[in-house]
Amino acid sequence: MSTLDKKIDFSVVLSVSKSNPNGDPLNGNRPRQNYDGHGEISDVAIKRKIRNRLQDMGEKVFVQSNDRKTDEFGSLKERAESNEVLANIIKSKQSQNHVFAAMACKEWIDVRAFGQVFAYKGAASGGGVSVGVRGPVSIHPATSVDPVDITSVQITKSVNSEPGKERGSDTMGMKHRVEFGLYVLHGSINVQLSEKTGFTWEDADKLKQALVTLFENDASSARPEGSMEVHKVYWHQHESKLGQYSSAKVHRALVIQSLSDEPKSIEDYEITVNHLDGLNTEELDGQ
């Protein structure tokens, strides 16, 4: 398909129930919060879930997590060198950064969507690359509409990891969860950068589907099945490359109001989208 030639903005409304959507390793893996007590899910975590969904769709993804690898490569450099053209450029002493970037974008959907930094040494005789690809898809951190309540419980294991008569310190632990929170994430697709990376309309459709199914095949002990749910995806297509509205104005068009002092479910919120002339807005239900 042809390269994307119209600006796109999007918003996702999702809920968290008795789950840890994104633990903070600097805070005992407690769910992330800002200084106002609102819950947050980092943009990095969201991009990881999008990459996982694209992999589930059969797309070639460059940045794969170890537990979701679909190939035998143990590092990003090995995955890059699996492409013969890229391997030759890494070994070459001549600078071919533009060729390297173009081939990487053609090979992997997450590179032409989110961008990537390639910095690899070549052979002992020289060579190597240092290439930065700036991707057209930008993702904001997801933030809860209201402050979230976090519950912490102590857990124990019934067996020791190491031999011994008494339970070791490793048999004790803590689990943290958000009781309930309605979160919103925003994002945009920049046409000028799409032209540089070759991001197409077909890629945009795959991204849209990944957002609709964001939490499929994503369960863990911290995020049990059904504890995280996408309710709505709002996909806004402009009429031109630059768009007739700023991304900030489009994102503000989504208005969510609490109907209860202590919201416990999506039914406790009213969701409206203000009309903007000339903006083609598609509303999709989560799956």
C-alpha atoms as a PDB file:
ATOM      1  CA  MET A   1       0.000   0.000   0.000  1.00  0.00           C
ATOM      2  CA  SER A   2       0.964   3.643  -0.319  1.00  0.00           C
ATOM      3  CA  THR A   3       2.803   5.624   2.308  1.00  0.00           C
ATOM      4  CA  LEU A   4       0.610   7.382   4.866  1.00  0.00           C
ATOM      5  CA  ASP A   5      -0.246  10.872   3.580  1.00  0.00           C
ATOM      6  CA  LYS A   6      -2.760  12.171   6.138  1.00  0.00           C
ATOM      7  CA  LYS A   7      -2.137  12.948   9.783  1.00  0.00           C
ATOM      8  CA  ILE A   8      -3.718  10.613  12.338  1.00  0.00           C
ATOM      9  CA  ASP A   9      -4.354  11.110  16.047  1.00  0.00           C
ATOM     10  CA  PHE A  10      -5.771   8.461  18.343  1.00  0.00           C
ATOM     11  CA  SER A  11      -6.950   7.916  21.912  1.00  0.00           C
ATOM     12  CA  VAL A  12      -7.543   4.704  23.869  1.00  0.00           C
ATOM     13  CA  VAL A  13      -9.782   4.320  26.925  1.00  0.00           C
ATOM     14  CA  LEU A  14      -8.865   1.295  29.057  1.00  0.00           C
ATOM     15  CA  SER A  15      -9.608   0.022  32.527  1.00  0.00           C
ATOM     16  CA  VAL A  16      -7.576  -1.755  35.189  1.00  0.00           C
ATOM     17  CA  SER A  17      -9.258  -3.915  37.824  1.00  0.00           C
ATOM     18  CA  LYS A  18      -7.357  -5.670  40.633  1.00  0.00           C
ATOM     19  CA  SER A  19      -4.199  -5.656  38.545  1.00  0.00           C
ATOM     20  CA  ASN A  20      -0.723  -4.154  38.406  1.00  0.00           C
ATOM     21  CA  PRO A  21      -0.671  -2.560  34.940  1.00  0.00           C
ATOM     22  CA  ASN A  22       2.949  -1.365  35.069  1.00  0.00           C
ATOM     23  CA  GLY A  23       5.150  -1.863  38.135  1.00  0.00           C
ATOM     24  CA  ASP A  24       7.838   0.640  39.067  1.00  0.00           C
ATOM     25  CA  PRO A  25      11.116  -1.220  39.820  1.00  0.00           C
ATOM     26  CA  LEU A  26      12.383   1.808  41.772  1.00  0.00           C
ATOM     27  CA  ASN A  27       9.391   1.633  44.108  1.00  0.00           C
ATOM     28  CA  GLY A  28       9.138  -2.037  45.028  1.00  0.00           C
ATOM     29  CA  ASN A  29       7.266  -2.792  41.781  1.00  0.00           C
ATOM     30  CA  ARG A  30       4.223  -0.876  42.981  1.00  0.00           C
ATOM     31  CA  PRO A  31       1.904   0.362  40.207  1.00  0.00           C
ATOM     32  CA  ARG A  32       3.182   3.638  38.837  1.00  0.00           C
ATOM     33  CA  GLN A  33       1.599   6.857  40.095  1.00  0.00           C
ATOM     34  CA  ASN A  34       2.266  10.531  39.513  1.00  0.00           C
ATOM     35  CA  TYR A  35       2.544  13.063  42.345  1.00  0.00           C
ATOM     36  CA  ASP A  36      -1.231  13.631  42.282  1.00  0.00           C
ATOM     37  CA  GLY A  37      -1.967   9.951  42.875  1.00  0.00           C
ATOM     38  CA  HIS A  38      -3.131   9.248  39.348  1.00  0.00           C
ATOM     39  CA  GLY A  39      -2.047   5.906  37.923  1.00  0.00           C
ATOM     40  CA  GLU A  40       0.337   5.753  34.982  1.00  0.00           C
ATOM     41  CA  ILE A  41       1.408   3.197  32.394  1.00  0.00           C
ATOM     42  CA  SER A  42       4.661   4.177  30.694  1.00  0.00           C
ATOM     43  CA  ASP A  43       4.879   4.682  26.957  1.00  0.00           C
ATOM     44  CA  VAL A  44       7.626   2.018  26.899  1.00  0.00           C
ATOM     45  CA  ALA A  45       5.253  -0.562  28.408  1.00  0.00           C
ATOM     46  CA  ILE A  46       2.546   0.339  25.897  1.00  0.00           C
ATOM     47  CA  LYS A  47       4.948   0.035  22.964  1.00  0.00           C
ATOM     48  CA  ARG A  48       6.013  -3.386  24.283  1.00  0.00           C
ATOM     49  CA  LYS A  49       2.379  -4.549  24.222  1.00  0.00           C
ATOM     50  CA  ILE A  50       1.898  -3.147  20.716  1.00  0.00           C
ATOM     51  CA  ARG A  51       5.006  -4.978  19.501  1.00  0.00           C
ATOM     52  CA  ASN A  52       3.723  -8.204  21.083  1.00  0.00           C
ATOM     53  CA  ARG A  53       0.386  -7.846  19.300  1.00  0.00           C
ATOM     54  CA  LEU A  54       2.127  -7.162  15.986  1.00  0.00           C
ATOM     55  CA  GLN A  55       4.167 -10.320  16.513  1.00  0.00           C
ATOM     56  CA  ASP A  56       0.944 -12.242  17.168  1.00  0.00           C
ATOM     57  CA  MET A  57      -0.311 -10.927  13.816  1.00  0.00           C
ATOM     58  CA  GLY A  58       2.723 -12.439  12.110  1.00  0.00           C
ATOM     59  CA  GLU A  59       4.628  -9.194  11.582  1.00  0.00           C
ATOM     60  CA  LYS A  60       8.420  -9.005  11.716  1.00  0.00           C
ATOM     61  CA  VAL A  61       9.450  -7.102  14.850  1.00  0.00           C
ATOM     62  CA  PHE A  62      12.997  -5.994  15.622  1.00  0.00           C
ATOM     63  CA  VAL A  63      12.792  -5.360  19.388  1.00  0.00           C
ATOM     64  CA  GLN A  64      11.484  -8.657  20.775  1.00  0.00           C
ATOM     65  CA  SER A  65      11.316  -9.571  24.456  1.00  0.00           C
ATOM     66  CA  ASN A  66      13.164 -12.745  25.431  1.00  0.00           C
ATOM     67  CA  ASP A  67       9.993 -14.590  26.421  1.00  0.00           C
ATOM     68  CA  ARG A  68       8.295 -13.717  23.120  1.00  0.00           C
ATOM     69  CA  LYS A  69      11.106 -14.338  20.638  1.00  0.00           C
ATOM     70  CA  THR A  70      10.130 -15.839  17.301  1.00  0.00           C
ATOM     71  CA  ASP A  71      13.720 -16.426  16.163  1.00  0.00           C
ATOM     72  CA  GLU A  72      16.984 -17.816  17.538  1.00  0.00           C
ATOM     73  CA  PHE A  73      18.856 -14.515  17.949  1.00  0.00           C
ATOM     74  CA  GLY A  74      20.128 -13.554  21.397  1.00  0.00           C
ATOM     75  CA  SER A  75      20.767  -9.856  20.739  1.00  0.00           C
ATOM     76  CA  LEU A  76      19.600  -6.992  18.570  1.00  0.00           C
ATOM     77  CA  LYS A  77      22.923  -6.981  16.704  1.00  0.00           C
ATOM     78  CA  GLU A  78      22.511 -10.641  15.777  1.00  0.00           C
ATOM     79  CA  ARG A  79      18.993  -9.917  14.537  1.00  0.00           C
ATOM     80  CA  ALA A  80      20.257  -6.994  12.466  1.00  0.00           C
ATOM     81  CA  GLU A  81      23.075  -9.090  11.008  1.00  0.00           C
ATOM     82  CA  SER A  82      20.565 -11.757   9.930  1.00  0.00           C
ATOM     83  CA  ASN A  83      19.813  -9.371   7.065  1.00  0.00           C
ATOM     84  CA  GLU A  84      22.635  -9.755   4.547  1.00  0.00           C
ATOM     85  CA  VAL A  85      22.585  -6.116   3.429  1.00  0.00           C
ATOM     86  CA  LEU A  86      22.736  -4.822   7.007  1.00  0.00           C
ATOM     87  CA  ALA A  87      25.462  -7.308   7.936  1.00  0.00           C
ATOM     88  CA  ASN A  88      27.635  -6.114   5.055  1.00  0.00           C
ATOM     89  CA  ILE A  89      27.147  -2.465   6.019  1.00  0.00           C
ATOM     90  CA  ILE A  90      28.147  -3.194   9.644  1.00  0.00           C
ATOM     91  CA  LYS A  91      31.354  -4.856   8.403  1.00  0.00           C
ATOM     92  CA  SER A  92      32.096  -2.156   5.855  1.00  0.00           C
ATOM     93  CA  LYS A  93      34.401   0.782   6.588  1.00  0.00           C
ATOM     94  CA  GLN A  94      32.297   3.056   4.370  1.00  0.00           C
ATOM     95  CA  SER A  95      29.478   5.094   5.871  1.00  0.00           C
ATOM     96  CA  GLN A  96      26.137   3.893   4.475  1.00  0.00           C
ATOM     97  CA  ASN A  97      23.789   5.123   7.172  1.00  0.00           C
ATOM     98  CA  HIS A  98      20.963   6.066   4.804  1.00  0.00           C
ATOM     99  CA  VAL A  99      21.004   2.645   3.162  1.00  0.00           C
ATOM    100  CA  PHE A 100      21.086   0.939   6.549  1.00  0.00           C
ATOM    101  CA  ALA A 101      18.126   2.956   7.846  1.00  0.00           C
ATOM    102  CA  ALA A 102      16.057   2.368   4.717  1.00  0.00           C
ATOM    103  CA  MET A 103      16.655  -1.402   4.810  1.00  0.00           C
ATOM    104  CA  ALA A 104      15.891  -1.646   8.543  1.00  0.00           C
ATOM    105  CA  CYS A 105      12.613   0.238   8.059  1.00  0.00           C
ATOM    106  CA  LYS A 106      11.660  -2.056   5.189  1.00  0.00           C
ATOM    107  CA  GLU A 107      12.483  -5.183   7.212  1.00  0.00           C
ATOM    108  CA  TRP A 108      10.765  -4.486  10.579  1.00  0.00           C
ATOM    109  CA  ILE A 109       7.407  -2.815  11.226  1.00  0.00           C
ATOM    110  CA  ASP A 110       8.345  -1.527  14.691  1.00  0.00           C
ATOM    111  CA  VAL A 111      11.392   0.280  13.267  1.00  0.00           C
ATOM    112  CA  ARG A 112       9.358   2.154  10.660  1.00  0.00           C
ATOM    113  CA  ALA A 113       6.679   2.859  13.307  1.00  0.00           C
ATOM    114  CA  PHE A 114       8.589   3.804  16.489  1.00  0.00           C
ATOM    115  CA  GLY A 115      12.110   4.311  15.153  1.00  0.00           C
ATOM    116  CA  GLN A 116      15.270   2.726  16.560  1.00  0.00           C
ATOM    117  CA  VAL A 117      18.885   3.490  17.421  1.00  0.00           C
ATOM    118  CA  PHE A 118      21.410   1.181  15.742  1.00  0.00           C
ATOM    119  CA  ALA A 119      24.908   1.482  17.223  1.00  0.00           C
ATOM    120  CA  TYR A 120      27.071  -1.569  16.540  1.00  0.00           C
ATOM    121  CA  LYS A 121      30.804  -2.100  16.230  1.00  0.00           C
ATOM    122  CA  GLY A 122      32.151  -3.795  13.148  1.00  0.00           C
ATOM    123  CA  ALA A 123      35.038  -6.213  12.829  1.00  0.00           C
ATOM    124  CA  ALA A 124      38.423  -5.594  14.433  1.00  0.00           C
ATOM    125  CA  SER A 125      39.613  -4.030  11.177  1.00  0.00           C
ATOM    126  CA  GLY A 126      37.013  -1.282  11.466  1.00  0.00           C
ATOM    127  CA  GLY A 127      33.478  -0.687  10.317  1.00  0.00           C
ATOM    128  CA  GLY A 128      30.296  -0.490  12.331  1.00  0.00           C
ATOM    129  CA  VAL A 129      27.236   1.725  12.231  1.00  0.00           C
ATOM    130  CA  SER A 130      25.672   4.483  14.284  1.00  0.00           C
ATOM    131  CA  VAL A 131      22.232   5.169  12.862  1.00  0.00           C
ATOM    132  CA  GLY A 132      19.214   6.780  14.452  1.00  0.00           C
ATOM    133  CA  VAL A 133      15.783   6.274  12.889  1.00  0.00           C
ATOM    134  CA  ARG A 134      13.056   8.634  14.071  1.00  0.00           C
ATOM    135  CA  GLY A 135       9.665   6.958  13.879  1.00  0.00           C
ATOM    136  CA  PRO A 136       6.327   8.611  13.010  1.00  0.00           C
ATOM    137  CA  VAL A 137       4.254   6.963  15.760  1.00  0.00           C
ATOM    138  CA  SER A 138       4.395   8.735  19.123  1.00  0.00           C
ATOM    139  CA  ILE A 139       2.744   7.264  22.222  1.00  0.00           C
ATOM    140  CA  HIS A 140       1.924   9.150  25.424  1.00  0.00           C
ATOM    141  CA  PRO A 141       1.965   7.443  28.817  1.00  0.00           C
ATOM    142  CA  ALA A 142      -1.512   6.304  29.863  1.00  0.00           C
ATOM    143  CA  THR A 143      -2.861   8.239  32.857  1.00  0.00           C
ATOM    144  CA  SER A 144      -5.871   7.435  35.019  1.00  0.00           C
ATOM    145  CA  VAL A 145      -8.823   9.824  35.007  1.00  0.00           C
ATOM    146  CA  ASP A 146      -8.989   9.791  38.817  1.00  0.00           C
ATOM    147  CA  PRO A 147      -6.439   8.991  41.532  1.00  0.00           C
ATOM    148  CA  VAL A 148      -6.127   5.225  42.061  1.00  0.00           C
ATOM    149  CA  ASP A 149      -6.160   3.156  45.242  1.00  0.00           C
ATOM    150  CA  ILE A 150      -3.304   0.661  45.549  1.00  0.00           C
ATOM    151  CA  THR A 151      -3.634  -2.445  47.698  1.00  0.00           C
ATOM    152  CA  SER A 152      -0.556  -4.331  48.909  1.00  0.00           C
ATOM    153  CA  VAL A 153      -0.654  -7.901  50.196  1.00  0.00           C
ATOM    154  CA  GLN A 154       2.111 -10.076  51.605  1.00  0.00           C
ATOM    155  CA  ILE A 155       2.634 -13.426  49.928  1.00  0.00           C
ATOM    156  CA  THR A 156       4.607 -16.545  50.863  1.00  0.00           C
ATOM    157  CA  LYS A 157       5.903 -19.585  49.028  1.00  0.00           C
ATOM    158  CA  SER A 158       5.215 -23.039  50.422  1.00  0.00           C
ATOM    159  CA  VAL A 159       8.733 -24.327  49.631  1.00  0.00           C
ATOM    160  CA  ASN A 160      12.281 -23.041  49.929  1.00  0.00           C
ATOM    161  CA  SER A 161      14.311 -22.222  46.858  1.00  0.00           C
ATOM    162  CA  GLU A 162      17.467 -23.449  48.617  1.00  0.00           C
ATOM    163  CA  PRO A 163      18.011 -26.411  51.004  1.00  0.00           C
ATOM    164  CA  GLY A 164      17.448 -25.756  54.700  1.00  0.00           C
ATOM    165  CA  LYS A 165      15.179 -26.511  57.623  1.00  0.00           C
ATOM    166  CA  GLU A 166      13.704 -23.052  57.980  1.00  0.00           C
ATOM    167  CA  ARG A 167      11.980 -20.914  55.425  1.00  0.00           C
ATOM    168  CA  GLY A 168      14.411 -18.512  53.823  1.00  0.00           C
ATOM    169  CA  SER A 169      13.831 -14.833  53.255  1.00  0.00           C
ATOM    170  CA  ASP A 170      13.038 -15.585  49.615  1.00  0.00           C
ATOM    171  CA  THR A 171       9.767 -17.272  50.618  1.00  0.00           C
ATOM    172  CA  MET A 172       8.251 -13.910  51.574  1.00  0.00           C
ATOM    173  CA  GLY A 173       7.163 -11.210  49.191  1.00  0.00           C
ATOM    174  CA  MET A 174       4.661  -8.475  48.352  1.00  0.00           C
ATOM    175  CA  LYS A 175       2.123  -8.042  45.579  1.00  0.00           C
ATOM    176  CA  HIS A 176       0.558  -4.717  44.681  1.00  0.00           C
ATOM    177  CA  ARG A 177      -2.499  -3.965  42.593  1.00  0.00           C
ATOM    178  CA  VAL A 178      -4.767  -1.136  41.487  1.00  0.00           C
ATOM    179  CA  GLU A 179      -8.283  -1.788  42.751  1.00  0.00           C
ATOM    180  CA  PHE A 180      -9.853   0.035  39.799  1.00  0.00           C
ATOM    181  CA  GLY A 181      -8.765   2.741  37.422  1.00  0.00           C
ATOM    182  CA  LEU A 182      -9.910   4.143  34.096  1.00  0.00           C
ATOM    183  CA  TYR A 183      -6.886   5.161  32.035  1.00  0.00           C
ATOM    184  CA  VAL A 184      -6.516   7.165  28.828  1.00  0.00           C
ATOM    185  CA  LEU A 185      -3.601   7.096  26.415  1.00  0.00           C
ATOM    186  CA  HIS A 186      -3.082   9.323  23.392  1.00  0.00           C
ATOM    187  CA  GLY A 187      -0.903   9.042  20.325  1.00  0.00           C
ATOM    188  CA  SER A 188      -0.241  10.464  16.883  1.00  0.00           C
ATOM    189  CA  ILE A 189       1.215   9.500  13.509  1.00  0.00           C
ATOM    190  CA  ASN A 190       3.367  12.127  11.797  1.00  0.00           C
ATOM    191  CA  VAL A 191       3.155  12.099   7.998  1.00  0.00           C
ATOM    192  CA  GLN A 192       6.551  13.696   7.323  1.00  0.00           C
ATOM    193  CA  LEU A 193       8.290  10.975   9.348  1.00  0.00           C
ATOM    194  CA  SER A 194       6.071   8.318   7.753  1.00  0.00           C
ATOM    195  CA  GLU A 195       7.454   9.349   4.373  1.00  0.00           C
ATOM    196  CA  LYS A 196      11.000   8.886   5.655  1.00  0.00           C
ATOM    197  CA  THR A 197      10.470   5.433   7.194  1.00  0.00           C
ATOM    198  CA  GLY A 198       7.946   4.112   4.653  1.00  0.00           C
ATOM    199  CA  PHE A 199       5.117   3.737   7.193  1.00  0.00           C
ATOM    200  CA  THR A 200       2.042   2.844   5.114  1.00  0.00           C
ATOM    201  CA  TRP A 201      -1.744   2.917   5.425  1.00  0.00           C
ATOM    202  CA  GLU A 202      -1.579  -0.834   5.915  1.00  0.00           C
ATOM    203  CA  ASP A 203       0.828  -0.360   8.829  1.00  0.00           C
ATOM    204  CA  ALA A 204      -1.575   2.182  10.337  1.00  0.00           C
ATOM    205  CA  ASP A 205      -4.431  -0.344  10.113  1.00  0.00           C
ATOM    206  CA  LYS A 206      -2.284  -2.941  11.899  1.00  0.00           C
ATOM    207  CA  LEU A 207      -1.442  -0.427  14.621  1.00  0.00           C
ATOM    208  CA  LYS A 208      -5.148   0.316  15.028  1.00  0.00           C
ATOM    209  CA  GLN A 209      -5.920  -3.384  15.403  1.00  0.00           C
ATOM    210  CA  ALA A 210      -3.091  -3.760  17.929  1.00  0.00           C
ATOM    211  CA  LEU A 211      -4.616  -0.977  20.038  1.00  0.00           C
ATOM    212  CA  VAL A 212      -8.085  -2.530  19.903  1.00  0.00           C
ATOM    213  CA  THR A 213      -6.671  -5.888  21.099  1.00  0.00           C
ATOM    214  CA  LEU A 214      -3.912  -4.437  23.279  1.00  0.00           C
ATOM    215  CA  PHE A 215      -4.237  -6.889  26.198  1.00  0.00           C
ATOM    216  CA  GLU A 216      -4.822 -10.116  24.295  1.00  0.00           C
ATOM    217  CA  ASN A 217      -2.193 -12.752  25.092  1.00  0.00           C
ATOM    218  CA  ASP A 218      -0.752 -10.437  27.770  1.00  0.00           C
ATOM    219  CA  ALA A 219      -1.826 -12.148  30.997  1.00  0.00           C
ATOM    220  CA  SER A 220       0.560 -12.689  33.915  1.00  0.00           C
ATOM    221  CA  SER A 221       0.331 -13.190  37.670  1.00  0.00           C
ATOM    222  CA  ALA A 222       0.315  -9.400  38.030  1.00  0.00           C
ATOM    223  CA  ARG A 223      -2.227  -8.960  35.214  1.00  0.00           C
ATOM    224  CA  PRO A 224      -4.722 -11.859  35.299  1.00  0.00           C
ATOM    225  CA  GLU A 225      -6.919 -12.502  32.261  1.00  0.00           C
ATOM    226  CA  GLY A 226      -9.707  -9.941  32.085  1.00  0.00           C
ATOM    227  CA  SER A 227      -8.173  -7.554  34.601  1.00  0.00           C
ATOM    228  CA  MET A 228      -7.151  -5.075  31.889  1.00  0.00           C
ATOM    229  CA  GLU A 229      -9.564  -4.134  29.130  1.00  0.00           C
ATOM    230  CA  VAL A 230      -9.678  -1.754  26.179  1.00  0.00           C
ATOM    231  CA  HIS A 231     -13.126  -0.133  26.043  1.00  0.00           C
ATOM    232  CA  LYS A 232     -12.811   2.407  23.235  1.00  0.00           C
ATOM    233  CA  VAL A 233     -10.336   3.425  20.538  1.00  0.00           C
ATOM    234  CA  TYR A 234     -10.913   6.794  18.871  1.00  0.00           C
ATOM    235  CA  TRP A 235      -9.101   7.038  15.543  1.00  0.00           C
ATOM    236  CA  HIS A 236      -8.998  10.581  14.102  1.00  0.00           C
ATOM    237  CA  GLN A 237      -7.970  11.071  10.465  1.00  0.00           C
ATOM    238  CA  HIS A 238      -7.203  14.588   9.243  1.00  0.00           C
ATOM    239  CA  GLU A 239      -7.692  15.862   5.698  1.00  0.00           C
ATOM    240  CA  SER A 240      -4.052  16.773   5.049  1.00  0.00           C
ATOM    241  CA  LYS A 241      -0.467  15.950   5.934  1.00  0.00           C
ATOM    242  CA  LEU A 242      -0.179  18.614   8.617  1.00  0.00           C
ATOM    243  CA  GLY A 243      -3.758  18.255   9.803  1.00  0.00           C
ATOM    244  CA  GLN A 244      -6.281  21.006  10.346  1.00  0.00           C
ATOM    245  CA  TYR A 245      -6.003  20.756  14.146  1.00  0.00           C
ATOM    246  CA  SER A 246      -3.139  20.320  16.569  1.00  0.00           C
ATOM    247  CA  SER A 247      -2.798  16.915  18.228  1.00  0.00           C
ATOM    248  CA  ALA A 248      -3.388  18.562  21.615  1.00  0.00           C
ATOM    249  CA  LYS A 249      -6.757  19.940  20.489  1.00  0.00           C
ATOM    250  CA  VAL A 250      -7.812  16.596  19.059  1.00  0.00           C
ATOM    251  CA  HIS A 251      -6.835  14.759  22.237  1.00  0.00           C
ATOM    252  CA  ARG A 252      -8.758  17.307  24.345  1.00  0.00           C
ATOM    253  CA  ALA A 253     -11.877  16.519  22.323  1.00  0.00           C
ATOM    254  CA  LEU A 254     -12.168  13.330  24.395  1.00  0.00           C
ATOM    255  CA  VAL A 255     -13.946  14.290  27.630  1.00  0.00           C
ATOM    256  CA  ILE A 256     -14.416  11.799  30.470  1.00  0.00           C
ATOM    257  CA  GLN A 257     -16.400  12.735  33.578  1.00  0.00           C
ATOM    258  CA  SER A 258     -16.886  10.729  36.751  1.00  0.00           C
ATOM    259  CA  LEU A 259     -20.501  10.052  37.734  1.00  0.00           C
ATOM    260  CA  SER A 260     -19.551   8.744  41.179  1.00  0.00           C
ATOM    261  CA  ASP A 261     -17.343   9.900  44.037  1.00  0.00           C
ATOM    262  CA  GLU A 262     -15.771   6.434  44.077  1.00  0.00           C
ATOM    263  CA  PRO A 263     -15.882   4.979  40.557  1.00  0.00           C
ATOM    264  CA  LYS A 264     -15.715   1.185  40.489  1.00  0.00           C
ATOM    265  CA  SER A 265     -16.376   0.399  36.815  1.00  0.00           C
ATOM    266  CA  ILE A 266     -16.617   1.907  33.339  1.00  0.00           C
ATOM    267  CA  GLU A 267     -20.346   2.491  33.969  1.00  0.00           C
ATOM    268  CA  ASP A 268     -19.402   5.130  36.538  1.00  0.00           C
ATOM    269  CA  TYR A 269     -18.057   7.398  33.782  1.00  0.00           C
ATOM    270  CA  GLU A 270     -19.559   9.456  30.977  1.00  0.00           C
ATOM    271  CA  ILE A 271     -17.440   9.497  27.811  1.00  0.00           C
ATOM    272  CA  THR A 272     -18.046  12.069  25.071  1.00  0.00           C
ATOM    273  CA  VAL A 273     -16.053  13.246  22.051  1.00  0.00           C
ATOM    274  CA  ASN A 274     -16.512  16.863  20.984  1.00  0.00           C
ATOM    275  CA  HIS A 275     -17.094  17.299  17.253  1.00  0.00           C
ATOM    276  CA  LEU A 276     -14.351  18.944  15.188  1.00  0.00           C
ATOM    277  CA  ASP A 277     -15.309  19.997  11.654  1.00  0.00           C
ATOM    278  CA  GLY A 278     -13.526  18.113   8.881  1.00  0.00           C
ATOM    279  CA  LEU A 279     -12.055  15.486  11.205  1.00  0.00           C
ATOM    280  CA  ASN A 280     -12.992  11.912  10.324  1.00  0.00           C
ATOM    281  CA  THR A 281     -13.390  10.150  13.681  1.00  0.00           C
ATOM    282  CA  GLU A 282     -13.791   6.381  13.892  1.00  0.00           C
ATOM    283  CA  GLU A 283     -14.975   4.902  17.201  1.00  0.00           C
ATOM    284  CA  LEU A 284     -14.040   1.273  17.809  1.00  0.00           C
ATOM    285  CA  ASP A 285     -14.977  -1.007  20.694  1.00  0.00           C
ATOM    286  CA  GLY A 286     -12.232  -2.981  22.400  1.00  0.00           C
ATOM    287  CA  GLN A 287     -12.123  -6.733  21.966  1.00  0.00           C
END
